[in-house]
Amino acid sequence: MTVAGLTKIRSLEECSRINGIIKKISDKKYISKFTHRKDNIKWSELNKKRVDRFFNNNKITEIVLK
């Protein structure tokens, strides 16, 4: 059976975020919380590439990176 919905990565991409928490609320439902980066967190290569893509596609601005 296929369930319609977004994957975690797709939902992060749609919201131009790189951090998020997904919590199961029932057998078929999940809730997503998108969070800001903390200053002292090391960025993975995947997240660096994602931010570059957001920036290059005008989904985020320099102010977000500060």
C-alpha atoms as a PDB file:
ATOM      1  CA  MET A   1       0.000   0.000   0.000  1.00  0.00           C
ATOM      2  CA  THR A   2       1.299   3.452  -0.909  1.00  0.00           C
ATOM      3  CA  VAL A   3       0.649   6.314   1.466  1.00  0.00           C
ATOM      4  CA  ALA A   4       0.553   9.830   0.058  1.00  0.00           C
ATOM      5  CA  GLY A   5       2.795  12.322   1.759  1.00  0.00           C
ATOM      6  CA  LEU A   6       6.215  13.877   1.904  1.00  0.00           C
ATOM      7  CA  THR A   7       9.446  12.253   2.939  1.00  0.00           C
ATOM      8  CA  LYS A   8      11.527  13.977   5.597  1.00  0.00           C
ATOM      9  CA  ILE A   9      14.045  15.183   3.015  1.00  0.00           C
ATOM     10  CA  ARG A  10      11.327  16.452   0.668  1.00  0.00           C
ATOM     11  CA  SER A  11       9.562  18.323   3.472  1.00  0.00           C
ATOM     12  CA  LEU A  12      12.843  19.952   4.539  1.00  0.00           C
ATOM     13  CA  GLU A  13      13.533  20.937   0.927  1.00  0.00           C
ATOM     14  CA  GLU A  14      10.054  22.422   0.476  1.00  0.00           C
ATOM     15  CA  CYS A  15      10.504  24.577   3.592  1.00  0.00           C
ATOM     16  CA  SER A  16      14.136  25.479   2.786  1.00  0.00           C
ATOM     17  CA  ARG A  17      15.299  23.981   6.078  1.00  0.00           C
ATOM     18  CA  ILE A  18      18.123  21.634   6.929  1.00  0.00           C
ATOM     19  CA  ASN A  19      17.010  20.626  10.409  1.00  0.00           C
ATOM     20  CA  GLY A  20      13.824  18.926  11.398  1.00  0.00           C
ATOM     21  CA  ILE A  21      12.319  16.438  13.791  1.00  0.00           C
ATOM     22  CA  ILE A  22       9.640  13.954  12.800  1.00  0.00           C
ATOM     23  CA  LYS A  23       7.467  12.416  15.484  1.00  0.00           C
ATOM     24  CA  LYS A  24       4.988   9.589  14.977  1.00  0.00           C
ATOM     25  CA  ILE A  25       1.550  10.479  16.344  1.00  0.00           C
ATOM     26  CA  SER A  26      -0.376   7.406  15.121  1.00  0.00           C
ATOM     27  CA  ASP A  27       0.074   4.373  12.884  1.00  0.00           C
ATOM     28  CA  LYS A  28      -0.467   6.545   9.797  1.00  0.00           C
ATOM     29  CA  LYS A  29       0.350  10.092  10.908  1.00  0.00           C
ATOM     30  CA  TYR A  30       3.530  11.970  11.665  1.00  0.00           C
ATOM     31  CA  ILE A  31       4.194  15.547  12.685  1.00  0.00           C
ATOM     32  CA  SER A  32       7.186  17.568  11.521  1.00  0.00           C
ATOM     33  CA  LYS A  33       8.923  20.324  13.440  1.00  0.00           C
ATOM     34  CA  PHE A  34      11.406  22.456  11.544  1.00  0.00           C
ATOM     35  CA  THR A  35      14.128  23.979  13.673  1.00  0.00           C
ATOM     36  CA  HIS A  36      16.875  26.575  13.415  1.00  0.00           C
ATOM     37  CA  ARG A  37      20.543  25.587  13.512  1.00  0.00           C
ATOM     38  CA  LYS A  38      22.404  26.115  16.755  1.00  0.00           C
ATOM     39  CA  ASP A  39      25.638  28.102  16.474  1.00  0.00           C
ATOM     40  CA  ASN A  40      27.884  25.320  17.779  1.00  0.00           C
ATOM     41  CA  ILE A  41      26.647  22.501  15.501  1.00  0.00           C
ATOM     42  CA  LYS A  42      29.014  21.093  12.861  1.00  0.00           C
ATOM     43  CA  TRP A  43      27.520  21.058   9.370  1.00  0.00           C
ATOM     44  CA  SER A  44      27.585  17.810   7.374  1.00  0.00           C
ATOM     45  CA  GLU A  45      28.599  17.856   3.707  1.00  0.00           C
ATOM     46  CA  LEU A  46      24.998  17.051   2.761  1.00  0.00           C
ATOM     47  CA  ASN A  47      23.703  20.064   4.688  1.00  0.00           C
ATOM     48  CA  LYS A  48      26.382  22.332   3.193  1.00  0.00           C
ATOM     49  CA  LYS A  49      25.316  21.263  -0.306  1.00  0.00           C
ATOM     50  CA  ARG A  50      21.650  21.744   0.559  1.00  0.00           C
ATOM     51  CA  VAL A  51      22.271  25.280   1.837  1.00  0.00           C
ATOM     52  CA  ASP A  52      24.302  26.115  -1.278  1.00  0.00           C
ATOM     53  CA  ARG A  53      21.412  24.911  -3.427  1.00  0.00           C
ATOM     54  CA  PHE A  54      18.870  26.959  -1.412  1.00  0.00           C
ATOM     55  CA  PHE A  55      21.070  30.043  -1.692  1.00  0.00           C
ATOM     56  CA  ASN A  56      21.704  29.588  -5.436  1.00  0.00           C
ATOM     57  CA  ASN A  57      17.959  29.126  -6.076  1.00  0.00           C
ATOM     58  CA  ASN A  58      17.098  32.253  -4.031  1.00  0.00           C
ATOM     59  CA  LYS A  59      15.229  30.232  -1.409  1.00  0.00           C
ATOM     60  CA  ILE A  60      17.347  31.724   1.379  1.00  0.00           C
ATOM     61  CA  THR A  61      19.443  34.866   1.774  1.00  0.00           C
ATOM     62  CA  GLU A  62      22.763  35.643   3.425  1.00  0.00           C
ATOM     63  CA  ILE A  63      20.980  36.858   6.560  1.00  0.00           C
ATOM     64  CA  VAL A  64      19.819  33.271   7.214  1.00  0.00           C
ATOM     65  CA  LEU A  65      23.425  32.061   7.167  1.00  0.00           C
ATOM     66  CA  LYS A  66      24.545  34.451   9.921  1.00  0.00           C
END
